[in-house]
């Protein structure tokens, strides 16, 4: 996948990075922290900073130690939290290092390493998207109407 967009989620007002697959048929939005958003934005813009930031330091450490970032894999989601791993080759041996997806993306952009998302994540997120865009059934509409009918102004102070 590639970084398609970096922006602000309209519901949470948190930074979000949106990944897109090669043919543009699947998107994966991931909420990230403001520092990681800045690191990703700087990498996307190719901006140079006077002193190395954390992801620049990680790149330098890999270079100095003879390591190579082979890929970043976003492989799991639990309780709305994504999990990733850095796949690093050192002395011909592959090591997998636990990472936040945002850190993996920021590092991958600096090194031009590929970013992968497992089919499990893509399918799970696609089904979640389909579920959220489906039309409510009659029973759901009745429950919602009842909720609105019983709603009082004082409920907003709770």
Protein backbone atom coordinates (compact mmCIF):
# COMPACT_ATOMS: atom_id res chain seq x y z
CA UNK A 1 0.00 0.00 0.00
CA UNK A 2 0.96 3.62 -0.40
CA UNK A 3 0.10 6.69 1.64
CA UNK A 4 -2.84 8.25 -0.16
CA UNK A 5 -3.67 11.12 2.18
CA UNK A 6 -2.78 12.62 5.49
CA UNK A 7 -5.41 14.71 7.21
CA UNK A 8 -7.73 15.20 10.15
CA UNK A 9 -10.57 12.81 10.94
CA UNK A 10 -13.81 14.82 10.92
CA UNK A 11 -15.35 12.87 13.81
CA UNK A 12 -12.44 12.68 16.24
CA UNK A 13 -10.38 15.68 15.05
CA UNK A 14 -7.32 13.41 15.29
CA UNK A 15 -4.71 13.05 12.54
CA UNK A 16 -5.39 10.17 10.16
CA UNK A 17 -3.24 8.55 7.51
CA UNK A 18 -5.09 6.83 4.67
CA UNK A 19 -3.36 3.99 2.89
CA UNK A 20 -4.46 2.90 -0.59
CA UNK A 21 -3.63 -0.31 -2.43
CA UNK A 22 -2.02 -0.33 -5.87
CA UNK A 23 -5.27 -0.56 -7.84
CA UNK A 24 -7.13 1.91 -5.63
CA UNK A 25 -9.84 -0.55 -4.64
CA UNK A 26 -9.02 -0.69 -0.92
CA UNK A 27 -8.35 2.10 1.54
CA UNK A 28 -7.26 1.83 5.15
CA UNK A 29 -7.66 4.85 7.45
CA UNK A 30 -5.50 4.74 10.58
CA UNK A 31 -5.78 7.29 13.38
CA UNK A 32 -2.30 8.43 14.43
CA UNK A 33 -0.71 10.85 16.85
CA UNK A 34 0.22 14.43 15.97
CA UNK A 35 3.98 13.79 16.14
CA UNK A 36 3.73 10.80 13.82
CA UNK A 37 1.55 12.85 11.47
CA UNK A 38 4.26 15.50 11.35
CA UNK A 39 6.93 12.85 10.70
CA UNK A 40 4.88 11.36 7.86
CA UNK A 41 4.14 14.80 6.38
CA UNK A 42 7.84 15.73 6.42
CA UNK A 43 8.73 12.47 4.67
CA UNK A 44 5.99 12.93 2.05
CA UNK A 45 7.25 16.44 1.34
CA UNK A 46 10.90 15.34 1.30
CA UNK A 47 11.62 18.12 3.80
CA UNK A 48 15.05 18.32 5.38
CA UNK A 49 15.31 19.13 9.07
CA UNK A 50 18.38 20.62 10.78
CA UNK A 51 18.62 17.80 13.33
CA UNK A 52 17.49 14.18 12.90
CA UNK A 53 14.01 13.34 14.10
CA UNK A 54 13.22 9.94 15.61
CA UNK A 55 12.54 8.24 12.27
CA UNK A 56 15.68 9.79 10.74
CA UNK A 57 17.61 8.38 13.70
CA UNK A 58 16.06 4.95 13.12
CA UNK A 59 17.15 5.10 9.48
CA UNK A 60 20.68 6.12 10.49
CA UNK A 61 20.86 3.30 13.06
CA UNK A 62 19.80 0.75 10.46
CA UNK A 63 22.41 2.07 8.02
CA UNK A 64 25.17 2.14 10.64
CA UNK A 65 24.38 -1.36 11.89
CA UNK A 66 24.14 -2.77 8.37
CA UNK A 67 20.42 -3.43 8.60
CA UNK A 68 17.87 -3.04 5.86
CA UNK A 69 14.16 -2.41 6.30
CA UNK A 70 12.65 -4.98 3.95
CA UNK A 71 9.02 -4.03 4.58
CA UNK A 72 6.46 -2.79 7.06
CA UNK A 73 3.50 -5.10 7.66
CA UNK A 74 0.27 -3.98 9.31
CA UNK A 75 -0.90 -7.37 10.48
CA UNK A 76 -3.50 -7.13 13.24
CA UNK A 77 -6.23 -5.01 14.78
CA UNK A 78 -7.50 -5.40 18.34
CA UNK A 79 -9.90 -3.05 20.10
CA UNK A 80 -9.61 -0.54 17.22
CA UNK A 81 -5.80 -0.51 17.56
CA UNK A 82 -3.67 -1.54 14.59
CA UNK A 83 -0.46 -3.53 15.04
CA UNK A 84 2.52 -3.54 12.71
CA UNK A 85 5.94 -5.04 12.45
CA UNK A 86 9.14 -3.92 10.81
CA UNK A 87 10.75 -6.71 8.81
CA UNK A 88 14.49 -6.00 9.02
CA UNK A 89 17.38 -7.90 7.42
CA UNK A 90 20.61 -7.88 9.43
CA UNK A 91 23.58 -10.02 8.37
CA UNK A 92 21.29 -12.06 6.12
CA UNK A 93 18.93 -12.85 8.99
CA UNK A 94 15.33 -11.57 9.08
CA UNK A 95 14.13 -9.98 12.32
CA UNK A 96 10.57 -8.83 13.00
CA UNK A 97 10.24 -5.83 15.29
CA UNK A 98 6.94 -4.79 16.86
CA UNK A 99 5.99 -1.22 15.87
CA UNK A 100 3.09 1.17 15.72
CA UNK A 101 1.84 1.44 12.13
CA UNK A 102 2.46 5.21 12.11
CA UNK A 103 6.12 4.74 13.05
CA UNK A 104 6.51 2.00 10.47
CA UNK A 105 4.96 4.21 7.79
CA UNK A 106 7.16 7.19 8.70
CA UNK A 107 10.28 5.00 8.53
CA UNK A 108 9.20 3.24 5.31
CA UNK A 109 8.70 6.61 3.60
CA UNK A 110 12.25 7.67 4.52
CA UNK A 111 13.78 4.43 3.27
CA UNK A 112 11.38 3.83 0.38
CA UNK A 113 10.42 0.43 1.80
CA UNK A 114 7.11 -1.21 0.88
CA UNK A 115 4.12 -1.10 3.22
CA UNK A 116 1.88 -4.15 3.33
CA UNK A 117 -1.45 -4.79 5.01
CA UNK A 118 -2.55 -8.37 5.57
CA UNK A 119 -5.67 -9.65 3.84
CA UNK A 120 -7.20 -10.17 7.29
CA UNK A 121 -7.06 -6.42 7.98
CA UNK A 122 -8.22 -5.39 4.51
CA UNK A 123 -11.21 -7.75 4.60
CA UNK A 124 -12.12 -6.89 8.19
CA UNK A 125 -12.04 -3.16 7.49
CA UNK A 126 -13.98 -3.59 4.22
CA UNK A 127 -16.73 -5.51 6.05
CA UNK A 128 -16.80 -2.84 8.78
CA UNK A 129 -17.21 -0.18 6.07
CA UNK A 130 -20.03 -2.13 4.40
CA UNK A 131 -21.75 -2.53 7.76
CA UNK A 132 -21.51 1.18 8.51
CA UNK A 133 -22.94 2.16 5.12
CA UNK A 134 -25.83 -0.30 5.05
CA UNK A 135 -29.38 0.96 5.36
CA UNK A 136 -30.96 0.46 8.82
CA UNK A 137 -33.75 -2.08 8.99
CA UNK A 138 -37.29 -1.25 10.19
CA UNK A 139 -36.65 -2.53 13.73
CA UNK A 140 -33.58 -0.29 14.11
CA UNK A 141 -35.55 2.68 12.83
CA UNK A 142 -38.34 2.06 15.37
CA UNK A 143 -35.84 1.83 18.23
CA UNK A 144 -34.15 5.03 17.13
CA UNK A 145 -37.48 6.85 16.80
CA UNK A 146 -38.46 5.69 20.31
CA UNK A 147 -35.10 6.91 21.63
CA UNK A 148 -35.66 10.34 20.04
CA UNK A 149 -39.23 10.54 21.36
CA UNK A 150 -38.06 9.84 24.92
CA UNK A 151 -35.06 12.17 24.77
CA UNK A 152 -35.24 15.15 27.16
CA UNK A 153 -33.07 18.31 27.21
CA UNK A 154 -31.74 17.30 30.63
CA UNK A 155 -30.22 14.16 29.02
CA UNK A 156 -27.59 16.37 27.40
CA UNK A 157 -26.17 17.40 30.77
CA UNK A 158 -25.21 13.84 31.76
